[in-house]
């Protein structure tokens, strides 16, 4: 749960996110086989 003022507006090695306790973060990445099927086609 984030208030509007707490939502990060930038990202990068020089940026620190201050998030409320209980928040979790991660990076969403594609791991399926769809791209390989297109490449093989």
ModelCIF file with pLDDT and N, C-alpha, C, O atoms, coordinates in Angstrom:
data_MODEL
#
_entry.id   MODEL 
#
_entity.id                         1 
_entity.type                       polymer 
_entity.pdbx_number_of_molecules   1 
#
_entity_poly.entity_id                      1 
_entity_poly.type                           'polypeptide(L)' 
_entity_poly.nstd_linkage                   no 
_entity_poly.nstd_monomer                   no 
_entity_poly.pdbx_seq_one_letter_code       
;(UNK)(UNK)(UNK)(UNK)(UNK)(UNK)(UNK)(UNK)(UNK)(UNK)(UNK)(UNK)(UNK)(UNK)(UNK)(UNK)
(UNK)(UNK)(UNK)(UNK)(UNK)(UNK)(UNK)(UNK)(UNK)(UNK)(UNK)(UNK)(UNK)(UNK)(UNK)(UNK)
(UNK)(UNK)(UNK)(UNK)(UNK)(UNK)(UNK)(UNK)(UNK)
;
_entity_poly.pdbx_seq_one_letter_code_can   XXXXXXXXXXXXXXXXXXXXXXXXXXXXXXXXXXXXXXXXX 
_entity_poly.pdbx_strand_id                 A 
#
loop_
_entity_poly_seq.entity_id 
_entity_poly_seq.num 
_entity_poly_seq.mon_id 
_entity_poly_seq.hetero 
1 1  UNK n 
1 2  UNK n 
1 3  UNK n 
1 4  UNK n 
1 5  UNK n 
1 6  UNK n 
1 7  UNK n 
1 8  UNK n 
1 9  UNK n 
1 10 UNK n 
1 11 UNK n 
1 12 UNK n 
1 13 UNK n 
1 14 UNK n 
1 15 UNK n 
1 16 UNK n 
1 17 UNK n 
1 18 UNK n 
1 19 UNK n 
1 20 UNK n 
1 21 UNK n 
1 22 UNK n 
1 23 UNK n 
1 24 UNK n 
1 25 UNK n 
1 26 UNK n 
1 27 UNK n 
1 28 UNK n 
1 29 UNK n 
1 30 UNK n 
1 31 UNK n 
1 32 UNK n 
1 33 UNK n 
1 34 UNK n 
1 35 UNK n 
1 36 UNK n 
1 37 UNK n 
1 38 UNK n 
1 39 UNK n 
1 40 UNK n 
1 41 UNK n 
#
_struct_asym.id          A 
_struct_asym.entity_id   1 
#
loop_
_ma_qa_metric.id 
_ma_qa_metric.mode 
_ma_qa_metric.name 
_ma_qa_metric.software_group_id 
_ma_qa_metric.type 
1 global pLDDT . pLDDT 
2 local  pLDDT . pLDDT 
#
_ma_qa_metric_global.metric_id      1 
_ma_qa_metric_global.metric_value   73.00 
_ma_qa_metric_global.model_id       1 
_ma_qa_metric_global.ordinal_id     1 
#
loop_
_ma_qa_metric_local.label_asym_id 
_ma_qa_metric_local.label_comp_id 
_ma_qa_metric_local.label_seq_id 
_ma_qa_metric_local.metric_id 
_ma_qa_metric_local.metric_value 
_ma_qa_metric_local.model_id 
_ma_qa_metric_local.ordinal_id 
A UNK 1  2 74.00 1 1  
A UNK 2  2 73.00 1 2  
A UNK 3  2 71.00 1 3  
A UNK 4  2 69.00 1 4  
A UNK 5  2 68.00 1 5  
A UNK 6  2 70.00 1 6  
A UNK 7  2 73.00 1 7  
A UNK 8  2 74.00 1 8  
A UNK 9  2 68.00 1 9  
A UNK 10 2 74.00 1 10 
A UNK 11 2 73.00 1 11 
A UNK 12 2 70.00 1 12 
A UNK 13 2 67.00 1 13 
A UNK 14 2 70.00 1 14 
A UNK 15 2 77.00 1 15 
A UNK 16 2 76.00 1 16 
A UNK 17 2 76.00 1 17 
A UNK 18 2 71.00 1 18 
A UNK 19 2 76.00 1 19 
A UNK 20 2 78.00 1 20 
A UNK 21 2 77.00 1 21 
A UNK 22 2 75.00 1 22 
A UNK 23 2 80.00 1 23 
A UNK 24 2 81.00 1 24 
A UNK 25 2 80.00 1 25 
A UNK 26 2 72.00 1 26 
A UNK 27 2 72.00 1 27 
A UNK 28 2 70.00 1 28 
A UNK 29 2 66.00 1 29 
A UNK 30 2 64.00 1 30 
A UNK 31 2 62.00 1 31 
A UNK 32 2 60.00 1 32 
A UNK 33 2 65.00 1 33 
A UNK 34 2 67.00 1 34 
A UNK 35 2 75.00 1 35 
A UNK 36 2 77.00 1 36 
A UNK 37 2 79.00 1 37 
A UNK 38 2 80.00 1 38 
A UNK 39 2 80.00 1 39 
A UNK 40 2 82.00 1 40 
A UNK 41 2 81.00 1 41 
#
loop_
_atom_site.group_PDB 
_atom_site.id 
_atom_site.type_symbol 
_atom_site.label_atom_id 
_atom_site.label_alt_id 
_atom_site.label_comp_id 
_atom_site.label_asym_id 
_atom_site.label_entity_id 
_atom_site.label_seq_id 
_atom_site.pdbx_PDB_ins_code 
_atom_site.Cartn_x 
_atom_site.Cartn_y 
_atom_site.Cartn_z 
_atom_site.occupancy 
_atom_site.B_iso_or_equiv 
_atom_site.pdbx_formal_charge 
_atom_site.auth_seq_id 
_atom_site.auth_comp_id 
_atom_site.auth_asym_id 
_atom_site.auth_atom_id 
_atom_site.pdbx_PDB_model_num 
ATOM 1   N N  . UNK A 1 1  ? 0.848  -1.188  0.000   1.00 74.00 ? 1  UNK A N  1 
ATOM 2   C CA . UNK A 1 1  ? 0.000  0.000   0.000   1.00 74.00 ? 1  UNK A CA 1 
ATOM 3   C C  . UNK A 1 1  ? 0.882  1.235   0.000   1.00 74.00 ? 1  UNK A C  1 
ATOM 4   O O  . UNK A 1 1  ? 1.700  1.432   0.898   1.00 74.00 ? 1  UNK A O  1 
ATOM 5   N N  . UNK A 1 2  ? 0.701  2.079   -1.038  1.00 73.00 ? 2  UNK A N  1 
ATOM 6   C CA . UNK A 1 2  ? 1.513  3.279   -1.180  1.00 73.00 ? 2  UNK A CA 1 
ATOM 7   C C  . UNK A 1 2  ? 0.611  4.493   -1.323  1.00 73.00 ? 2  UNK A C  1 
ATOM 8   O O  . UNK A 1 2  ? -0.398 4.461   -2.028  1.00 73.00 ? 2  UNK A O  1 
ATOM 9   N N  . UNK A 1 3  ? 0.990  5.552   -0.649  1.00 71.00 ? 3  UNK A N  1 
ATOM 10  C CA . UNK A 1 3  ? 0.335  6.821   -0.897  1.00 71.00 ? 3  UNK A CA 1 
ATOM 11  C C  . UNK A 1 3  ? 0.902  7.410   -2.196  1.00 71.00 ? 3  UNK A C  1 
ATOM 12  O O  . UNK A 1 3  ? 1.983  7.026   -2.643  1.00 71.00 ? 3  UNK A O  1 
ATOM 13  N N  . UNK A 1 4  ? 0.178  8.320   -2.773  1.00 69.00 ? 4  UNK A N  1 
ATOM 14  C CA . UNK A 1 4  ? 0.604  8.908   -4.037  1.00 69.00 ? 4  UNK A CA 1 
ATOM 15  C C  . UNK A 1 4  ? 1.983  9.548   -3.921  1.00 69.00 ? 4  UNK A C  1 
ATOM 16  O O  . UNK A 1 4  ? 2.794  9.467   -4.844  1.00 69.00 ? 4  UNK A O  1 
ATOM 17  N N  . UNK A 1 5  ? 2.251  10.204  -2.746  1.00 68.00 ? 5  UNK A N  1 
ATOM 18  C CA . UNK A 1 5  ? 3.532  10.884  -2.579  1.00 68.00 ? 5  UNK A CA 1 
ATOM 19  C C  . UNK A 1 5  ? 4.691  9.914   -2.376  1.00 68.00 ? 5  UNK A C  1 
ATOM 20  O O  . UNK A 1 5  ? 5.859  10.288  -2.484  1.00 68.00 ? 5  UNK A O  1 
ATOM 21  N N  . UNK A 1 6  ? 4.340  8.631   -2.072  1.00 70.00 ? 6  UNK A N  1 
ATOM 22  C CA . UNK A 1 6  ? 5.386  7.636   -1.814  1.00 70.00 ? 6  UNK A CA 1 
ATOM 23  C C  . UNK A 1 6  ? 5.783  6.836   -3.053  1.00 70.00 ? 6  UNK A C  1 
ATOM 24  O O  . UNK A 1 6  ? 6.755  6.082   -3.018  1.00 70.00 ? 6  UNK A O  1 
ATOM 25  N N  . UNK A 1 7  ? 5.036  6.996   -4.148  1.00 73.00 ? 7  UNK A N  1 
ATOM 26  C CA . UNK A 1 7  ? 5.316  6.214   -5.356  1.00 73.00 ? 7  UNK A CA 1 
ATOM 27  C C  . UNK A 1 7  ? 6.574  6.725   -6.056  1.00 73.00 ? 7  UNK A C  1 
ATOM 28  O O  . UNK A 1 7  ? 6.697  7.926   -6.296  1.00 73.00 ? 7  UNK A O  1 
ATOM 29  N N  . UNK A 1 8  ? 7.516  5.824   -6.389  1.00 74.00 ? 8  UNK A N  1 
ATOM 30  C CA . UNK A 1 8  ? 8.742  6.243   -7.067  1.00 74.00 ? 8  UNK A CA 1 
ATOM 31  C C  . UNK A 1 8  ? 8.431  6.848   -8.437  1.00 74.00 ? 8  UNK A C  1 
ATOM 32  O O  . UNK A 1 8  ? 7.541  6.388   -9.153  1.00 74.00 ? 8  UNK A O  1 
ATOM 33  N N  . UNK A 1 9  ? 9.188  7.888   -8.779  1.00 68.00 ? 9  UNK A N  1 
ATOM 34  C CA . UNK A 1 9  ? 9.020  8.540   -10.086 1.00 68.00 ? 9  UNK A CA 1 
ATOM 35  C C  . UNK A 1 9  ? 10.235 8.369   -10.989 1.00 68.00 ? 9  UNK A C  1 
ATOM 36  O O  . UNK A 1 9  ? 10.222 8.816   -12.135 1.00 68.00 ? 9  UNK A O  1 
ATOM 37  N N  . UNK A 1 10 ? 11.275 7.731   -10.487 1.00 74.00 ? 10 UNK A N  1 
ATOM 38  C CA . UNK A 1 10 ? 12.479 7.503   -11.293 1.00 74.00 ? 10 UNK A CA 1 
ATOM 39  C C  . UNK A 1 10 ? 13.119 6.205   -10.850 1.00 74.00 ? 10 UNK A C  1 
ATOM 40  O O  . UNK A 1 10 ? 12.809 5.665   -9.789  1.00 74.00 ? 10 UNK A O  1 
ATOM 41  N N  . UNK A 1 11 ? 14.016 5.720   -11.683 1.00 73.00 ? 11 UNK A N  1 
ATOM 42  C CA . UNK A 1 11 ? 14.693 4.456   -11.396 1.00 73.00 ? 11 UNK A CA 1 
ATOM 43  C C  . UNK A 1 11 ? 16.114 4.556   -11.935 1.00 73.00 ? 11 UNK A C  1 
ATOM 44  O O  . UNK A 1 11 ? 16.371 5.254   -12.915 1.00 73.00 ? 11 UNK A O  1 
ATOM 45  N N  . UNK A 1 12 ? 17.025 3.857   -11.287 1.00 70.00 ? 12 UNK A N  1 
ATOM 46  C CA . UNK A 1 12 ? 18.397 3.870   -11.748 1.00 70.00 ? 12 UNK A CA 1 
ATOM 47  C C  . UNK A 1 12 ? 19.358 3.690   -10.607 1.00 70.00 ? 12 UNK A C  1 
ATOM 48  O O  . UNK A 1 12 ? 18.951 3.638   -9.446  1.00 70.00 ? 12 UNK A O  1 
ATOM 49  N N  . UNK A 1 13 ? 20.666 3.591   -10.931 1.00 67.00 ? 13 UNK A N  1 
ATOM 50  C CA . UNK A 1 13 ? 21.669 3.306   -9.906  1.00 67.00 ? 13 UNK A CA 1 
ATOM 51  C C  . UNK A 1 13 ? 21.833 4.450   -8.920  1.00 67.00 ? 13 UNK A C  1 
ATOM 52  O O  . UNK A 1 13 ? 22.290 4.232   -7.798  1.00 67.00 ? 13 UNK A O  1 
ATOM 53  N N  . UNK A 1 14 ? 21.467 5.674   -9.315  1.00 70.00 ? 14 UNK A N  1 
ATOM 54  C CA . UNK A 1 14 ? 21.610 6.814   -8.402  1.00 70.00 ? 14 UNK A CA 1 
ATOM 55  C C  . UNK A 1 14 ? 20.323 7.175   -7.694  1.00 70.00 ? 14 UNK A C  1 
ATOM 56  O O  . UNK A 1 14 ? 20.219 8.256   -7.114  1.00 70.00 ? 14 UNK A O  1 
ATOM 57  N N  . UNK A 1 15 ? 19.337 6.285   -7.730  1.00 77.00 ? 15 UNK A N  1 
ATOM 58  C CA . UNK A 1 15 ? 18.032 6.585   -7.145  1.00 77.00 ? 15 UNK A CA 1 
ATOM 59  C C  . UNK A 1 15 ? 17.737 5.612   -6.001  1.00 77.00 ? 15 UNK A C  1 
ATOM 60  O O  . UNK A 1 15 ? 17.954 4.407   -6.131  1.00 77.00 ? 15 UNK A O  1 
ATOM 61  N N  . UNK A 1 16 ? 17.234 6.149   -4.865  1.00 76.00 ? 16 UNK A N  1 
ATOM 62  C CA . UNK A 1 16 ? 16.853 5.328   -3.717  1.00 76.00 ? 16 UNK A CA 1 
ATOM 63  C C  . UNK A 1 16 ? 15.348 5.416   -3.540  1.00 76.00 ? 16 UNK A C  1 
ATOM 64  O O  . UNK A 1 16 ? 14.769 6.502   -3.506  1.00 76.00 ? 16 UNK A O  1 
ATOM 65  N N  . UNK A 1 17 ? 14.722 4.234   -3.425  1.00 76.00 ? 17 UNK A N  1 
ATOM 66  C CA . UNK A 1 17 ? 13.278 4.192   -3.173  1.00 76.00 ? 17 UNK A CA 1 
ATOM 67  C C  . UNK A 1 17 ? 13.048 4.042   -1.654  1.00 76.00 ? 17 UNK A C  1 
ATOM 68  O O  . UNK A 1 17 ? 13.570 3.115   -1.034  1.00 76.00 ? 17 UNK A O  1 
ATOM 69  N N  . UNK A 1 18 ? 12.283 4.935   -1.079  1.00 71.00 ? 18 UNK A N  1 
ATOM 70  C CA . UNK A 1 18 ? 11.886 4.841   0.323   1.00 71.00 ? 18 UNK A CA 1 
ATOM 71  C C  . UNK A 1 18 ? 10.448 4.344   0.346   1.00 71.00 ? 18 UNK A C  1 
ATOM 72  O O  . UNK A 1 18 ? 9.521  5.079   0.007   1.00 71.00 ? 18 UNK A O  1 
ATOM 73  N N  . UNK A 1 19 ? 10.269 3.084   0.751   1.00 76.00 ? 19 UNK A N  1 
ATOM 74  C CA . UNK A 1 19 ? 8.957  2.446   0.707   1.00 76.00 ? 19 UNK A CA 1 
ATOM 75  C C  . UNK A 1 19 ? 8.476  2.135   2.120   1.00 76.00 ? 19 UNK A C  1 
ATOM 76  O O  . UNK A 1 19 ? 9.293  1.911   3.013   1.00 76.00 ? 19 UNK A O  1 
ATOM 77  N N  . UNK A 1 20 ? 7.190  2.119   2.332   1.00 78.00 ? 20 UNK A N  1 
ATOM 78  C CA . UNK A 1 20 ? 6.636  1.772   3.657   1.00 78.00 ? 20 UNK A CA 1 
ATOM 79  C C  . UNK A 1 20 ? 6.970  0.327   4.031   1.00 78.00 ? 20 UNK A C  1 
ATOM 80  O O  . UNK A 1 20 ? 7.234  -0.519  3.177   1.00 78.00 ? 20 UNK A O  1 
ATOM 81  N N  . UNK A 1 21 ? 6.946  0.083   5.326   1.00 77.00 ? 21 UNK A N  1 
ATOM 82  C CA . UNK A 1 21 ? 7.220  -1.268  5.803   1.00 77.00 ? 21 UNK A CA 1 
ATOM 83  C C  . UNK A 1 21 ? 6.173  -2.236  5.265   1.00 77.00 ? 21 UNK A C  1 
ATOM 84  O O  . UNK A 1 21 ? 4.986  -1.916  5.219   1.00 77.00 ? 21 UNK A O  1 
ATOM 85  N N  . UNK A 1 22 ? 6.624  -3.430  4.857   1.00 75.00 ? 22 UNK A N  1 
ATOM 86  C CA . UNK A 1 22 ? 5.724  -4.452  4.341   1.00 75.00 ? 22 UNK A CA 1 
ATOM 87  C C  . UNK A 1 22 ? 5.638  -4.499  2.826   1.00 75.00 ? 22 UNK A C  1 
ATOM 88  O O  . UNK A 1 22 ? 5.032  -5.411  2.265   1.00 75.00 ? 22 UNK A O  1 
ATOM 89  N N  . UNK A 1 23 ? 6.226  -3.544  2.175   1.00 80.00 ? 23 UNK A N  1 
ATOM 90  C CA . UNK A 1 23 ? 6.222  -3.560  0.692   1.00 80.00 ? 23 UNK A CA 1 
ATOM 91  C C  . UNK A 1 23 ? 7.290  -4.509  0.176   1.00 80.00 ? 23 UNK A C  1 
ATOM 92  O O  . UNK A 1 23 ? 8.334  -4.691  0.802   1.00 80.00 ? 23 UNK A O  1 
ATOM 93  N N  . UNK A 1 24 ? 7.019  -5.102  -0.959  1.00 81.00 ? 24 UNK A N  1 
ATOM 94  C CA . UNK A 1 24 ? 8.021  -5.948  -1.642  1.00 81.00 ? 24 UNK A CA 1 
ATOM 95  C C  . UNK A 1 24 ? 8.162  -5.450  -3.075  1.00 81.00 ? 24 UNK A C  1 
ATOM 96  O O  . UNK A 1 24 ? 7.218  -4.922  -3.662  1.00 81.00 ? 24 UNK A O  1 
ATOM 97  N N  . UNK A 1 25 ? 9.369  -5.631  -3.628  1.00 80.00 ? 25 UNK A N  1 
ATOM 98  C CA . UNK A 1 25 ? 9.665  -5.159  -4.993  1.00 80.00 ? 25 UNK A CA 1 
ATOM 99  C C  . UNK A 1 25 ? 10.334 -6.270  -5.781  1.00 80.00 ? 25 UNK A C  1 
ATOM 100 O O  . UNK A 1 25 ? 10.841 -7.243  -5.224  1.00 80.00 ? 25 UNK A O  1 
ATOM 101 N N  . UNK A 1 26 ? 10.319 -6.095  -7.074  1.00 72.00 ? 26 UNK A N  1 
ATOM 102 C CA . UNK A 1 26 ? 10.996 -7.056  -7.948  1.00 72.00 ? 26 UNK A CA 1 
ATOM 103 C C  . UNK A 1 26 ? 11.006 -6.548  -9.388  1.00 72.00 ? 26 UNK A C  1 
ATOM 104 O O  . UNK A 1 26 ? 10.525 -5.452  -9.676  1.00 72.00 ? 26 UNK A O  1 
ATOM 105 N N  . UNK A 1 27 ? 11.562 -7.361  -10.288 1.00 72.00 ? 27 UNK A N  1 
ATOM 106 C CA . UNK A 1 27 ? 11.621 -7.024  -11.710 1.00 72.00 ? 27 UNK A CA 1 
ATOM 107 C C  . UNK A 1 27 ? 10.862 -8.084  -12.494 1.00 72.00 ? 27 UNK A C  1 
ATOM 108 O O  . UNK A 1 27 ? 11.104 -9.281  -12.339 1.00 72.00 ? 27 UNK A O  1 
ATOM 109 N N  . UNK A 1 28 ? 9.946  -7.633  -13.334 1.00 70.00 ? 28 UNK A N  1 
ATOM 110 C CA . UNK A 1 28 ? 9.146  -8.536  -14.157 1.00 70.00 ? 28 UNK A CA 1 
ATOM 111 C C  . UNK A 1 28 ? 9.882  -8.771  -15.472 1.00 70.00 ? 28 UNK A C  1 
ATOM 112 O O  . UNK A 1 28 ? 10.129 -7.830  -16.226 1.00 70.00 ? 28 UNK A O  1 
ATOM 113 N N  . UNK A 1 29 ? 10.234 -10.032 -15.747 1.00 66.00 ? 29 UNK A N  1 
ATOM 114 C CA . UNK A 1 29 ? 10.969 -10.363 -16.968 1.00 66.00 ? 29 UNK A CA 1 
ATOM 115 C C  . UNK A 1 29 ? 10.280 -11.513 -17.691 1.00 66.00 ? 29 UNK A C  1 
ATOM 116 O O  . UNK A 1 29 ? 9.656  -12.374 -17.071 1.00 66.00 ? 29 UNK A O  1 
ATOM 117 N N  . UNK A 1 30 ? 10.408 -11.510 -19.043 1.00 64.00 ? 30 UNK A N  1 
ATOM 118 C CA . UNK A 1 30 ? 9.807  -12.554 -19.860 1.00 64.00 ? 30 UNK A CA 1 
ATOM 119 C C  . UNK A 1 30 ? 10.700 -13.798 -19.854 1.00 64.00 ? 30 UNK A C  1 
ATOM 120 O O  . UNK A 1 30 ? 11.908 -13.713 -20.074 1.00 64.00 ? 30 UNK A O  1 
ATOM 121 N N  . UNK A 1 31 ? 10.080 -14.958 -19.596 1.00 62.00 ? 31 UNK A N  1 
ATOM 122 C CA . UNK A 1 31 ? 10.863 -16.193 -19.553 1.00 62.00 ? 31 UNK A CA 1 
ATOM 123 C C  . UNK A 1 31 ? 10.250 -17.303 -20.393 1.00 62.00 ? 31 UNK A C  1 
ATOM 124 O O  . UNK A 1 31 ? 10.746 -18.429 -20.360 1.00 62.00 ? 31 UNK A O  1 
ATOM 125 N N  . UNK A 1 32 ? 9.167  -17.020 -21.159 1.00 60.00 ? 32 UNK A N  1 
ATOM 126 C CA . UNK A 1 32 ? 8.496  -18.065 -21.929 1.00 60.00 ? 32 UNK A CA 1 
ATOM 127 C C  . UNK A 1 32 ? 9.216  -18.427 -23.215 1.00 60.00 ? 32 UNK A C  1 
ATOM 128 O O  . UNK A 1 32 ? 10.286 -17.899 -23.517 1.00 60.00 ? 32 UNK A O  1 
ATOM 129 N N  . UNK A 1 33 ? 8.602  -19.349 -23.977 1.00 65.00 ? 33 UNK A N  1 
ATOM 130 C CA . UNK A 1 33 ? 9.221  -19.847 -25.207 1.00 65.00 ? 33 UNK A CA 1 
ATOM 131 C C  . UNK A 1 33 ? 8.640  -19.220 -26.472 1.00 65.00 ? 33 UNK A C  1 
ATOM 132 O O  . UNK A 1 33 ? 9.014  -19.613 -27.577 1.00 65.00 ? 33 UNK A O  1 
ATOM 133 N N  . UNK A 1 34 ? 7.735  -18.254 -26.330 1.00 67.00 ? 34 UNK A N  1 
ATOM 134 C CA . UNK A 1 34 ? 7.085  -17.673 -27.506 1.00 67.00 ? 34 UNK A CA 1 
ATOM 135 C C  . UNK A 1 34 ? 8.052  -16.996 -28.454 1.00 67.00 ? 34 UNK A C  1 
ATOM 136 O O  . UNK A 1 34 ? 7.940  -17.149 -29.670 1.00 67.00 ? 34 UNK A O  1 
ATOM 137 N N  . UNK A 1 35 ? 9.004  -16.246 -27.908 1.00 75.00 ? 35 UNK A N  1 
ATOM 138 C CA . UNK A 1 35 ? 9.971  -15.551 -28.755 1.00 75.00 ? 35 UNK A CA 1 
ATOM 139 C C  . UNK A 1 35 ? 10.822 -16.535 -29.549 1.00 75.00 ? 35 UNK A C  1 
ATOM 140 O O  . UNK A 1 35 ? 11.117 -16.299 -30.720 1.00 75.00 ? 35 UNK A O  1 
ATOM 141 N N  . UNK A 1 36 ? 11.206 -17.611 -28.929 1.00 77.00 ? 36 UNK A N  1 
ATOM 142 C CA . UNK A 1 36 ? 12.036 -18.599 -29.628 1.00 77.00 ? 36 UNK A CA 1 
ATOM 143 C C  . UNK A 1 36 ? 11.262 -19.231 -30.776 1.00 77.00 ? 36 UNK A C  1 
ATOM 144 O O  . UNK A 1 36 ? 11.843 -19.544 -31.815 1.00 77.00 ? 36 UNK A O  1 
ATOM 145 N N  . UNK A 1 37 ? 9.950  -19.424 -30.598 1.00 79.00 ? 37 UNK A N  1 
ATOM 146 C CA . UNK A 1 37 ? 9.147  -19.980 -31.684 1.00 79.00 ? 37 UNK A CA 1 
ATOM 147 C C  . UNK A 1 37 ? 9.102  -19.037 -32.878 1.00 79.00 ? 37 UNK A C  1 
ATOM 148 O O  . UNK A 1 37 ? 9.197  -19.479 -34.023 1.00 79.00 ? 37 UNK A O  1 
ATOM 149 N N  . UNK A 1 38 ? 8.958  -17.731 -32.615 1.00 80.00 ? 38 UNK A N  1 
ATOM 150 C CA . UNK A 1 38 ? 8.962  -16.749 -33.698 1.00 80.00 ? 38 UNK A CA 1 
ATOM 151 C C  . UNK A 1 38 ? 10.319 -16.703 -34.397 1.00 80.00 ? 38 UNK A C  1 
ATOM 152 O O  . UNK A 1 38 ? 10.407 -16.633 -35.623 1.00 80.00 ? 38 UNK A O  1 
ATOM 153 N N  . UNK A 1 39 ? 11.374 -16.744 -33.579 1.00 80.00 ? 39 UNK A N  1 
ATOM 154 C CA . UNK A 1 39 ? 12.725 -16.717 -34.159 1.00 80.00 ? 39 UNK A CA 1 
ATOM 155 C C  . UNK A 1 39 ? 12.965 -17.940 -35.025 1.00 80.00 ? 39 UNK A C  1 
ATOM 156 O O  . UNK A 1 39 ? 13.560 -17.827 -36.097 1.00 80.00 ? 39 UNK A O  1 
ATOM 157 N N  . UNK A 1 40 ? 12.516 -19.104 -34.585 1.00 82.00 ? 40 UNK A N  1 
ATOM 158 C CA . UNK A 1 40 ? 12.701 -20.326 -35.361 1.00 82.00 ? 40 UNK A CA 1 
ATOM 159 C C  . UNK A 1 40 ? 11.887 -20.280 -36.652 1.00 82.00 ? 40 UNK A C  1 
ATOM 160 O O  . UNK A 1 40 ? 12.329 -20.783 -37.685 1.00 82.00 ? 40 UNK A O  1 
ATOM 161 N N  . UNK A 1 41 ? 10.701 -19.680 -36.593 1.00 81.00 ? 41 UNK A N  1 
ATOM 162 C CA . UNK A 1 41 ? 9.884  -19.546 -37.805 1.00 81.00 ? 41 UNK A CA 1 
ATOM 163 C C  . UNK A 1 41 ? 10.609 -18.704 -38.848 1.00 81.00 ? 41 UNK A C  1 
ATOM 164 O O  . UNK A 1 41 ? 10.080 -18.479 -39.936 1.00 81.00 ? 41 UNK A O  1 
#
